[in-house]
Amino acid sequence: MASSDNAPRPVEPTESRVREEAAAEQAALAAQVLRPDTGAGLTPPAHSHGGPVQPGDARPERLVSRDPDAFPVPTGREEEWRFTPLRRVNVLLQPLETDGKVVVEAQAAPDVTVTHVPGDDALVGSVLTPADRVSALAMSAIEQAVVVSVPAGATSTTPTFLTIRGEGGTAYGHLIVDVAAGAQAVLVVDHVGTTTLAANTEFRIGDNASLTVVSLQDWDDDAIHIETQAARLGRDARLKHSVVTLGGGVVRLTPRVHFDGPGGEVELLGLYFTDAGQHQEHRPLIEHSADHCRSRVTYKGALQGEGATAVWIGDVVIPEGSAGTDTYELNRNLLLTDGAIAHSVPNLEIETGDVTQAGHASASGRFDDLQLFYLMARGIPADVARKLVVRGFFAEVINRIGVPEVAERLTSAVEDELAQVGA
C-alpha cells in the first residue's frame, strides 16, 4: 500500500488569492445589482436612446429627452431614484403650478454680463438634454433663464456672485453660464431662504477656456432642491466645479460633465454637512468622450443626528474610442453621531483598453481612534481633539476650492455645525 504521505494534497490558497477571489465575487454581484447611469444627461451618445437592452449590451439604455411624458413617475425601484425620499419630493415629480418667488441677485465681475432670455431661446438646452423627469419638467416649463456671459479672451479673476433667494412656494429655475474661447471666470452661486425648487444649470466652456464655479446650498431646513448641472468642455478647456451643501430638508444635485474636445481637464469637489432629518444626495457623472482628458472627483461629508442621510453616487464612463483617459474619484464620509446614514457608490465603466489611469475609493466611518489618541496623548481635551480631526478632514476640500471669498465662510460654517453636536 502506498504511503499516505505520497498522496496528492489540496493546495492551500494564499491570502492574496483569497482576496482576489473575494473581490471578483463582490464585483460580479455589484455588476448584477448596481448599474451606473450611462450618459452625462447631455446630447445622447449613439447607444443611449432609451430602447430595450440588445444582445451584447453591457447595460440598459438610458433615455434622454426634453419631453417630461417620456419619463414615467419614479417608484423608488429605479437605480437613479432608489435612495431618494420620493414622498418628500413628490410635488416635483408632477407639473408645478408655480406659486413661489425666487429672486436672483447678481454682482457681476468686470467683463461679465448677467442677462435673461426666454425659456424657448436657443441657449436653453444647448448643453443639457434632461435624463430624468424632474429635469425635463423644469426645462419644459421654464419661462425665463438667467445667462452669465464671459466674452472671448476675458480673464477676470474677480468672482461673479449670484444669490438665488427662495421666498416660499414652488418654483422652476434655469441658469446658463457661457464662457467663450480663451476666457477665464470665477462664479459663486449661493442658494438661500426656502422654496421647493426644480432647476437646471448649463455650463458652456469654450476651447482653451477656464471656469471655476462654487455652488452653495445654504437653504433653510424646510427647503427642497433638485437640480441637474451639466457642463460641456471644448478642446483644452478646464473646469473646477465645487458643490457645498449645508442646508435644506432634501437636496439632490446631479453634476454631469461631457468632454467635447481633447485635452480637457475637470476637478469636481464636494463638501457637505448633513444634520438630523436632512437628506443630501450628490450624483456626479463624467463622460470621457474625448481623447487625453483628465478628471478628479473628491467629495467629503460629515453627518450628525438621527436620520441624517447622505448619498454619493459617482459615475465615470470611458467609452470605446477614447484614448489616454486619466481619472480618479474619491468619497469620504465621517459619521459623528449614532443614527446617521451614509451611502457611497463609486462606479467606473471602461469600454476601452487605452487608459492612462482609472480608479476610485470610498469609505464611511467614525473618528479615527488613532488620531484622537495621538492628540489626547499630547494633552488636548477630547472635545477639542474631535474638532481638530473634523477641521483636518474638510481642510483639503476647502483649500482646493480656491476662492478666498468662500473659504472663510465654509470654515465658519463647519465650526457652527460642530458646536451644535458638541463635538
Protein backbone atom coordinates (compact mmCIF):
# COMPACT_ATOMS: atom_id res chain seq x y z
CA MET A 1 0.00 0.00 0.00
CA ALA A 2 1.33 3.41 -0.93
CA SER A 3 2.21 5.70 1.88
CA SER A 4 -0.35 8.40 2.59
CA ASP A 5 2.50 10.89 2.65
CA ASN A 6 2.82 10.49 -1.13
CA ALA A 7 -0.85 11.10 -1.85
CA PRO A 8 -1.65 14.41 -3.58
CA ARG A 9 -2.74 17.11 -1.20
CA PRO A 10 -5.00 20.05 -1.93
CA VAL A 11 -3.19 23.30 -2.49
CA GLU A 12 -4.00 25.83 0.20
CA PRO A 13 -4.95 29.17 -1.32
CA THR A 14 -2.67 32.05 -0.47
CA GLU A 15 -4.05 35.11 1.31
CA SER A 16 -3.66 37.23 -1.83
CA ARG A 17 -5.53 34.68 -3.90
CA VAL A 18 -8.39 34.59 -1.39
CA ARG A 19 -8.61 38.37 -1.53
CA GLU A 20 -8.60 38.35 -5.34
CA GLU A 21 -11.38 35.77 -5.48
CA ALA A 22 -13.47 37.66 -2.90
CA ALA A 23 -13.01 40.91 -4.79
CA ALA A 24 -14.01 39.24 -8.05
CA GLU A 25 -17.13 37.80 -6.42
CA GLN A 26 -18.12 41.17 -4.99
CA ALA A 27 -17.57 42.85 -8.35
CA ALA A 28 -19.76 40.26 -10.06
CA LEU A 29 -22.54 40.81 -7.54
CA ALA A 30 -22.23 44.57 -7.87
CA ALA A 31 -22.49 44.32 -11.64
CA GLN A 32 -25.78 42.47 -11.25
CA VAL A 33 -27.24 44.94 -8.74
CA LEU A 34 -25.63 48.32 -9.39
CA ARG A 35 -25.77 49.55 -12.95
CA PRO A 36 -24.35 53.06 -13.41
CA ASP A 37 -26.06 55.80 -15.37
CA THR A 38 -24.93 55.63 -18.97
CA GLY A 39 -24.92 59.18 -20.21
CA ALA A 40 -23.98 62.58 -18.94
CA GLY A 41 -27.51 63.84 -19.47
CA LEU A 42 -26.15 65.81 -22.39
CA THR A 43 -26.50 65.07 -26.07
CA PRO A 44 -27.17 61.32 -26.05
CA PRO A 45 -24.43 59.01 -27.29
CA ALA A 46 -25.30 56.63 -30.09
CA HIS A 47 -26.24 53.83 -27.71
CA SER A 48 -28.39 55.96 -25.35
CA HIS A 49 -31.81 56.07 -26.94
CA GLY A 50 -33.94 54.60 -24.21
CA GLY A 51 -34.76 51.42 -26.08
CA PRO A 52 -34.70 47.86 -24.81
CA VAL A 53 -31.49 46.08 -23.94
CA GLN A 54 -30.00 44.43 -27.01
CA PRO A 55 -27.94 41.22 -27.03
CA GLY A 56 -24.38 42.02 -26.04
CA ASP A 57 -25.26 45.32 -24.33
CA ALA A 58 -23.33 45.82 -21.11
CA ARG A 59 -26.06 47.96 -19.53
CA PRO A 60 -29.61 49.19 -20.08
CA GLU A 61 -30.08 52.13 -22.40
CA ARG A 62 -30.64 55.49 -20.74
CA LEU A 63 -33.38 57.76 -22.00
CA VAL A 64 -32.67 61.44 -22.57
CA SER A 65 -35.48 63.74 -23.66
CA ARG A 66 -36.90 67.23 -23.19
CA ASP A 67 -40.39 65.72 -23.04
CA PRO A 68 -41.46 65.08 -19.42
CA ASP A 69 -44.02 62.47 -20.55
CA ALA A 70 -41.13 60.35 -21.87
CA PHE A 71 -40.22 59.60 -18.24
CA PRO A 72 -42.51 57.56 -16.00
CA VAL A 73 -43.11 58.78 -12.47
CA PRO A 74 -40.39 57.17 -10.32
CA THR A 75 -41.41 54.43 -7.93
CA GLY A 76 -38.17 54.16 -5.97
CA ARG A 77 -37.18 50.86 -7.57
CA GLU A 78 -35.17 52.60 -10.29
CA GLU A 79 -31.42 52.71 -9.75
CA GLU A 80 -31.28 56.50 -10.13
CA TRP A 81 -34.09 57.04 -7.60
CA ARG A 82 -33.69 54.22 -5.09
CA PHE A 83 -32.00 56.39 -2.44
CA THR A 84 -34.19 59.49 -2.85
CA PRO A 85 -37.10 60.01 -0.38
CA LEU A 86 -39.80 60.26 -3.07
CA ARG A 87 -42.59 61.10 -0.64
CA ARG A 88 -40.75 64.25 0.40
CA VAL A 89 -40.12 65.37 -3.20
CA ASN A 90 -43.37 64.12 -4.72
CA VAL A 91 -44.52 67.64 -5.63
CA LEU A 92 -41.60 67.96 -8.06
CA LEU A 93 -42.48 64.74 -9.88
CA GLN A 94 -45.60 66.33 -11.35
CA PRO A 95 -46.05 69.55 -13.36
CA LEU A 96 -45.99 72.51 -10.98
CA GLU A 97 -48.46 75.31 -10.68
CA THR A 98 -45.61 77.55 -9.61
CA ASP A 99 -46.62 79.80 -6.74
CA GLY A 100 -43.22 80.58 -5.31
CA LYS A 101 -40.96 83.56 -5.59
CA VAL A 102 -37.27 83.08 -6.29
CA VAL A 103 -35.23 86.27 -6.52
CA VAL A 104 -31.89 86.27 -8.37
CA GLU A 105 -29.43 88.95 -7.25
CA ALA A 106 -26.26 89.42 -9.31
CA GLN A 107 -22.94 91.08 -8.66
CA ALA A 108 -21.03 90.75 -11.92
CA ALA A 109 -17.26 90.90 -12.27
CA PRO A 110 -15.66 93.19 -14.88
CA ASP A 111 -16.31 91.99 -18.47
CA VAL A 112 -19.03 89.60 -17.24
CA THR A 113 -22.69 90.26 -18.08
CA VAL A 114 -25.79 88.82 -16.44
CA THR A 115 -28.93 88.88 -18.59
CA HIS A 116 -32.17 86.96 -19.13
CA VAL A 117 -33.54 85.04 -22.10
CA PRO A 118 -36.98 83.46 -22.65
CA GLY A 119 -37.41 79.77 -22.00
CA ASP A 120 -37.64 78.99 -25.73
CA ASP A 121 -34.28 80.64 -26.52
CA ALA A 122 -31.75 78.52 -28.41
CA LEU A 123 -29.34 78.67 -25.45
CA VAL A 124 -31.78 76.73 -23.26
CA GLY A 125 -30.99 73.06 -23.74
CA SER A 126 -27.89 73.70 -25.84
CA VAL A 127 -25.77 71.73 -23.36
CA LEU A 128 -28.24 69.64 -21.37
CA THR A 129 -30.78 67.13 -22.57
CA PRO A 130 -32.70 66.00 -19.45
CA ALA A 131 -32.14 62.45 -18.24
CA ASP A 132 -34.87 62.34 -15.59
CA ARG A 133 -38.44 63.51 -15.10
CA VAL A 134 -37.72 66.42 -12.76
CA SER A 135 -35.11 67.92 -15.07
CA ALA A 136 -37.43 67.56 -18.08
CA LEU A 137 -40.34 69.17 -16.21
CA ALA A 138 -38.14 72.09 -15.20
CA MET A 139 -36.81 72.66 -18.73
CA SER A 140 -40.20 72.39 -20.42
CA ALA A 141 -41.86 74.85 -18.05
CA ILE A 142 -39.16 77.47 -17.56
CA GLU A 143 -40.31 80.90 -18.71
CA GLN A 144 -37.07 82.80 -18.26
CA ALA A 145 -33.44 81.73 -17.88
CA VAL A 146 -30.56 83.63 -16.31
CA VAL A 147 -27.49 83.89 -18.58
CA VAL A 148 -23.98 84.66 -17.33
CA SER A 149 -21.75 85.53 -20.32
CA VAL A 150 -17.96 85.81 -20.41
CA PRO A 151 -16.61 87.13 -23.74
CA ALA A 152 -13.69 85.56 -25.60
CA GLY A 153 -10.31 86.40 -24.13
CA ALA A 154 -11.63 87.93 -20.87
CA THR A 155 -9.51 86.83 -17.91
CA SER A 156 -11.30 88.07 -14.82
CA THR A 157 -10.21 86.51 -11.52
CA THR A 158 -12.77 88.53 -9.54
CA PRO A 159 -15.76 86.28 -8.74
CA THR A 160 -19.22 86.92 -10.09
CA PHE A 161 -21.76 86.35 -7.32
CA LEU A 162 -25.30 85.11 -7.90
CA THR A 163 -27.64 84.84 -4.93
CA ILE A 164 -30.74 82.71 -5.53
CA ARG A 165 -33.13 83.57 -2.73
CA GLY A 166 -36.23 81.48 -2.13
CA GLU A 167 -39.21 83.22 -0.57
CA GLY A 168 -41.55 80.26 -0.20
CA GLY A 169 -43.77 78.24 -2.55
CA THR A 170 -42.73 76.13 -5.55
CA ALA A 171 -40.63 77.25 -8.49
CA TYR A 172 -38.57 76.30 -11.53
CA GLY A 173 -35.13 77.72 -12.32
CA HIS A 174 -32.63 77.73 -15.17
CA LEU A 175 -29.09 79.11 -15.32
CA ILE A 176 -26.75 79.22 -18.33
CA VAL A 177 -23.06 80.07 -17.95
CA ASP A 178 -21.43 80.78 -21.31
CA VAL A 179 -17.64 81.09 -21.20
CA ALA A 180 -16.26 81.85 -24.65
CA ALA A 181 -12.98 80.59 -26.09
CA GLY A 182 -9.86 81.61 -24.20
CA ALA A 183 -11.81 83.26 -21.36
CA GLN A 184 -11.33 82.77 -17.64
CA ALA A 185 -14.01 83.32 -14.99
CA VAL A 186 -15.00 82.59 -11.39
CA LEU A 187 -18.65 82.17 -10.37
CA VAL A 188 -20.23 81.71 -6.94
CA VAL A 189 -23.92 80.68 -6.85
CA ASP A 190 -25.48 80.98 -3.39
CA HIS A 191 -28.85 79.36 -2.62
CA VAL A 192 -30.54 80.76 0.49
CA GLY A 193 -34.01 81.09 2.01
CA THR A 194 -36.72 78.50 1.48
CA THR A 195 -38.56 77.13 -1.53
CA THR A 196 -39.36 73.92 -3.36
CA LEU A 197 -37.19 74.22 -6.46
CA ALA A 198 -36.55 72.14 -9.58
CA ALA A 199 -33.76 73.61 -11.68
CA ASN A 200 -31.20 73.07 -14.42
CA THR A 201 -27.80 74.68 -14.93
CA GLU A 202 -25.77 74.57 -18.16
CA PHE A 203 -22.06 75.39 -18.42
CA ARG A 204 -20.74 76.09 -21.94
CA ILE A 205 -16.94 76.24 -21.73
CA GLY A 206 -15.20 77.08 -25.00
CA ASP A 207 -11.84 75.94 -26.33
CA ASN A 208 -8.95 76.80 -24.01
CA ALA A 209 -11.35 78.48 -21.57
CA SER A 210 -11.37 78.10 -17.79
CA LEU A 211 -14.24 78.26 -15.29
CA THR A 212 -14.20 77.97 -11.51
CA VAL A 213 -17.69 77.64 -10.06
CA VAL A 214 -18.89 77.17 -6.49
CA SER A 215 -22.50 76.08 -5.90
CA LEU A 216 -23.53 76.77 -2.29
CA GLN A 217 -26.69 75.19 -0.86
CA ASP A 218 -27.32 77.07 2.39
CA TRP A 219 -31.10 76.71 2.43
CA ASP A 220 -33.41 76.86 5.40
CA ASP A 221 -34.25 73.48 6.92
CA ASP A 222 -37.59 73.09 5.08
CA ALA A 223 -36.31 73.76 1.55
CA ILE A 224 -36.39 71.10 -1.22
CA HIS A 225 -33.97 71.43 -4.12
CA ILE A 226 -33.43 69.09 -7.07
CA GLU A 227 -31.08 70.22 -9.82
CA THR A 228 -29.05 68.90 -12.74
CA GLN A 229 -25.85 70.82 -13.51
CA ALA A 230 -24.35 69.89 -16.88
CA ALA A 231 -21.04 71.06 -18.33
CA ARG A 232 -19.67 70.74 -21.85
CA LEU A 233 -15.93 71.39 -22.30
CA GLY A 234 -14.19 72.30 -25.53
CA ARG A 235 -10.61 71.48 -26.54
CA ASP A 236 -8.10 72.08 -23.72
CA ALA A 237 -10.83 73.62 -21.54
CA ARG A 238 -10.71 73.50 -17.74
CA LEU A 239 -13.46 73.33 -15.13
CA LYS A 240 -13.24 73.39 -11.35
CA HIS A 241 -16.73 72.68 -10.02
CA SER A 242 -17.34 72.76 -6.26
CA VAL A 243 -20.56 71.81 -4.50
CA VAL A 244 -21.10 72.83 -0.88
CA THR A 245 -24.31 71.60 0.75
CA LEU A 246 -25.03 72.79 4.26
CA GLY A 247 -28.79 73.32 4.45
CA GLY A 248 -32.14 72.19 3.10
CA GLY A 249 -34.50 69.40 4.03
CA VAL A 250 -33.87 67.49 0.79
CA VAL A 251 -31.12 68.45 -1.66
CA ARG A 252 -30.36 66.29 -4.71
CA LEU A 253 -27.72 67.57 -7.13
CA THR A 254 -26.54 65.85 -10.31
CA PRO A 255 -23.34 67.36 -11.76
CA ARG A 256 -22.57 65.98 -15.24
CA VAL A 257 -19.55 66.57 -17.45
CA HIS A 258 -19.05 65.90 -21.15
CA PHE A 259 -15.75 66.48 -22.99
CA ASP A 260 -16.31 67.89 -26.47
CA GLY A 261 -12.63 68.00 -27.43
CA PRO A 262 -9.27 66.54 -26.41
CA GLY A 263 -7.08 67.86 -23.61
CA GLY A 264 -9.89 68.89 -21.27
CA GLU A 265 -9.48 68.85 -17.51
CA VAL A 266 -12.13 68.84 -14.77
CA GLU A 267 -12.00 68.79 -10.99
CA LEU A 268 -15.22 68.11 -9.09
CA LEU A 269 -15.10 68.95 -5.39
CA GLY A 270 -17.82 68.44 -2.81
CA LEU A 271 -18.31 69.31 0.85
CA TYR A 272 -21.50 68.53 2.77
CA PHE A 273 -22.56 68.61 6.42
CA THR A 274 -25.77 66.65 6.97
CA ASP A 275 -27.87 67.27 10.09
CA ALA A 276 -30.71 65.30 11.68
CA GLY A 277 -33.59 64.72 9.27
CA GLN A 278 -31.76 66.10 6.24
CA HIS A 279 -31.28 64.18 3.01
CA GLN A 280 -28.36 65.32 0.86
CA GLU A 281 -27.69 63.48 -2.39
CA HIS A 282 -24.88 64.12 -4.87
CA ARG A 283 -24.58 62.15 -8.12
CA PRO A 284 -21.58 63.34 -10.20
CA LEU A 285 -21.13 61.73 -13.63
CA ILE A 286 -18.24 62.30 -16.04
CA GLU A 287 -18.28 61.05 -19.63
CA HIS A 288 -14.74 60.87 -21.03
CA SER A 289 -15.87 61.09 -24.63
CA ALA A 290 -12.69 62.76 -25.99
CA ASP A 291 -9.01 61.82 -26.03
CA HIS A 292 -6.44 62.68 -23.36
CA CYS A 293 -8.82 64.24 -20.86
CA ARG A 294 -8.29 64.29 -17.09
CA SER A 295 -10.78 64.26 -14.23
CA ARG A 296 -10.54 64.23 -10.45
CA VAL A 297 -13.51 63.89 -8.10
CA THR A 298 -13.22 64.48 -4.34
CA TYR A 299 -16.33 64.66 -2.14
CA LYS A 300 -16.23 64.70 1.66
CA GLY A 301 -19.12 64.81 4.09
CA ALA A 302 -19.86 64.76 7.80
CA LEU A 303 -23.15 63.56 9.28
CA GLN A 304 -24.72 64.12 12.67
CA GLY A 305 -28.10 63.45 14.22
CA GLU A 306 -30.91 60.92 13.91
CA GLY A 307 -31.95 60.32 10.31
CA ALA A 308 -29.18 62.40 8.76
CA THR A 309 -28.71 60.79 5.33
CA ALA A 310 -26.05 61.44 2.73
CA VAL A 311 -25.91 59.75 -0.67
CA TRP A 312 -22.98 59.92 -3.06
CA ILE A 313 -23.12 58.08 -6.41
CA GLY A 314 -20.02 58.72 -8.50
CA ASP A 315 -20.03 57.56 -12.13
CA VAL A 316 -17.21 57.76 -14.65
CA VAL A 317 -17.83 56.46 -18.18
CA ILE A 318 -14.90 55.88 -20.56
CA PRO A 319 -16.49 54.92 -23.88
CA GLU A 320 -14.97 52.90 -26.67
CA GLY A 321 -12.83 55.00 -28.97
CA SER A 322 -11.49 57.45 -26.38
CA ALA A 323 -7.77 57.34 -25.60
CA GLY A 324 -5.46 58.40 -22.78
CA THR A 325 -8.09 58.98 -20.09
CA ASP A 326 -6.80 59.89 -16.63
CA THR A 327 -9.48 59.75 -13.94
CA TYR A 328 -9.87 59.15 -10.21
CA GLU A 329 -12.85 59.62 -7.87
CA LEU A 330 -12.95 59.61 -4.07
CA ASN A 331 -15.67 59.88 -1.44
CA ARG A 332 -15.22 60.00 2.33
CA ASN A 333 -17.95 60.23 4.98
CA LEU A 334 -17.41 60.94 8.67
CA LEU A 335 -20.24 59.76 10.97
CA LEU A 336 -20.21 62.00 14.04
CA THR A 337 -23.19 60.51 15.92
CA ASP A 338 -25.41 57.44 16.03
CA GLY A 339 -28.42 57.39 13.72
CA ALA A 340 -26.65 58.92 10.70
CA ILE A 341 -26.55 57.00 7.41
CA ALA A 342 -24.13 57.40 4.50
CA HIS A 343 -24.46 55.63 1.14
CA SER A 344 -21.39 55.75 -1.11
CA VAL A 345 -21.29 54.02 -4.51
CA PRO A 346 -18.36 54.69 -6.89
CA ASN A 347 -18.75 53.32 -10.41
CA LEU A 348 -16.25 53.01 -13.26
CA GLU A 349 -17.40 51.90 -16.70
CA ILE A 350 -14.49 51.34 -19.06
CA GLU A 351 -15.05 50.27 -22.66
CA THR A 352 -11.51 50.73 -23.96
CA GLY A 353 -8.06 49.47 -23.06
CA ASP A 354 -6.32 52.77 -23.85
CA VAL A 355 -6.50 54.30 -20.35
CA THR A 356 -3.69 56.15 -18.59
CA GLN A 357 -5.27 55.82 -15.15
CA ALA A 358 -8.70 54.99 -13.76
CA GLY A 359 -9.52 54.37 -10.13
CA HIS A 360 -11.83 55.12 -7.23
CA ALA A 361 -12.02 54.94 -3.45
CA SER A 362 -14.84 55.17 -0.93
CA ALA A 363 -15.06 54.95 2.86
CA SER A 364 -17.56 55.83 5.59
CA GLY A 365 -16.85 55.57 9.30
CA ARG A 366 -16.42 57.21 12.67
CA PHE A 367 -13.49 59.15 14.06
CA ASP A 368 -10.09 57.60 13.64
CA ASP A 369 -9.28 56.38 17.14
CA LEU A 370 -5.55 56.60 16.47
CA GLN A 371 -5.83 60.26 15.52
CA LEU A 372 -7.83 61.04 18.65
CA PHE A 373 -5.40 59.07 20.82
CA TYR A 374 -2.43 60.88 19.30
CA LEU A 375 -3.92 64.29 20.09
CA MET A 376 -5.22 63.40 23.55
CA ALA A 377 -1.88 61.83 24.48
CA ARG A 378 -0.40 65.29 23.99
CA GLY A 379 -2.75 66.91 26.47
CA ILE A 380 -5.50 68.02 24.06
CA PRO A 381 -9.01 67.52 25.55
CA ALA A 382 -11.28 65.04 23.77
CA ASP A 383 -13.77 67.66 22.54
CA VAL A 384 -11.02 69.85 21.10
CA ALA A 385 -9.34 66.82 19.53
CA ARG A 386 -12.56 65.90 17.74
CA LYS A 387 -12.90 69.40 16.33
CA LEU A 388 -9.32 69.30 15.08
CA VAL A 389 -9.94 65.98 13.33
CA VAL A 390 -13.05 67.31 11.56
CA ARG A 391 -11.28 70.52 10.55
CA GLY A 392 -8.45 68.50 9.07
CA PHE A 393 -10.95 66.21 7.33
CA PHE A 394 -12.51 69.16 5.45
CA ALA A 395 -9.37 71.26 5.03
CA GLU A 396 -8.30 69.50 1.83
CA VAL A 397 -11.54 70.34 0.03
CA ILE A 398 -11.81 73.90 1.38
CA ASN A 399 -8.24 74.71 0.35
CA ARG A 400 -8.67 73.24 -3.13
CA ILE A 401 -11.83 75.22 -3.90
CA GLY A 402 -9.50 78.14 -4.47
CA VAL A 403 -11.94 81.01 -3.85
CA PRO A 404 -10.80 83.01 -0.79
CA GLU A 405 -14.17 84.75 -0.52
CA VAL A 406 -15.77 81.34 0.10
CA ALA A 407 -13.10 79.60 2.20
CA GLU A 408 -13.60 81.72 5.33
CA ARG A 409 -17.37 81.25 5.19
CA LEU A 410 -17.01 77.47 4.88
CA THR A 411 -14.59 77.25 7.79
CA SER A 412 -17.03 79.25 9.93
CA ALA A 413 -19.95 77.04 8.84
CA VAL A 414 -18.07 73.89 9.83
CA GLU A 415 -17.36 75.41 13.25
CA ASP A 416 -21.05 76.22 13.70
CA GLU A 417 -22.04 72.66 12.83
CA LEU A 418 -19.53 71.22 15.28
CA ALA A 419 -20.85 73.49 18.02
CA GLN A 420 -24.36 72.07 17.51
CA VAL A 421 -23.25 68.49 18.04
CA GLY A 422 -20.87 69.39 20.83
CA ALA A 423 -18.01 67.70 19.02
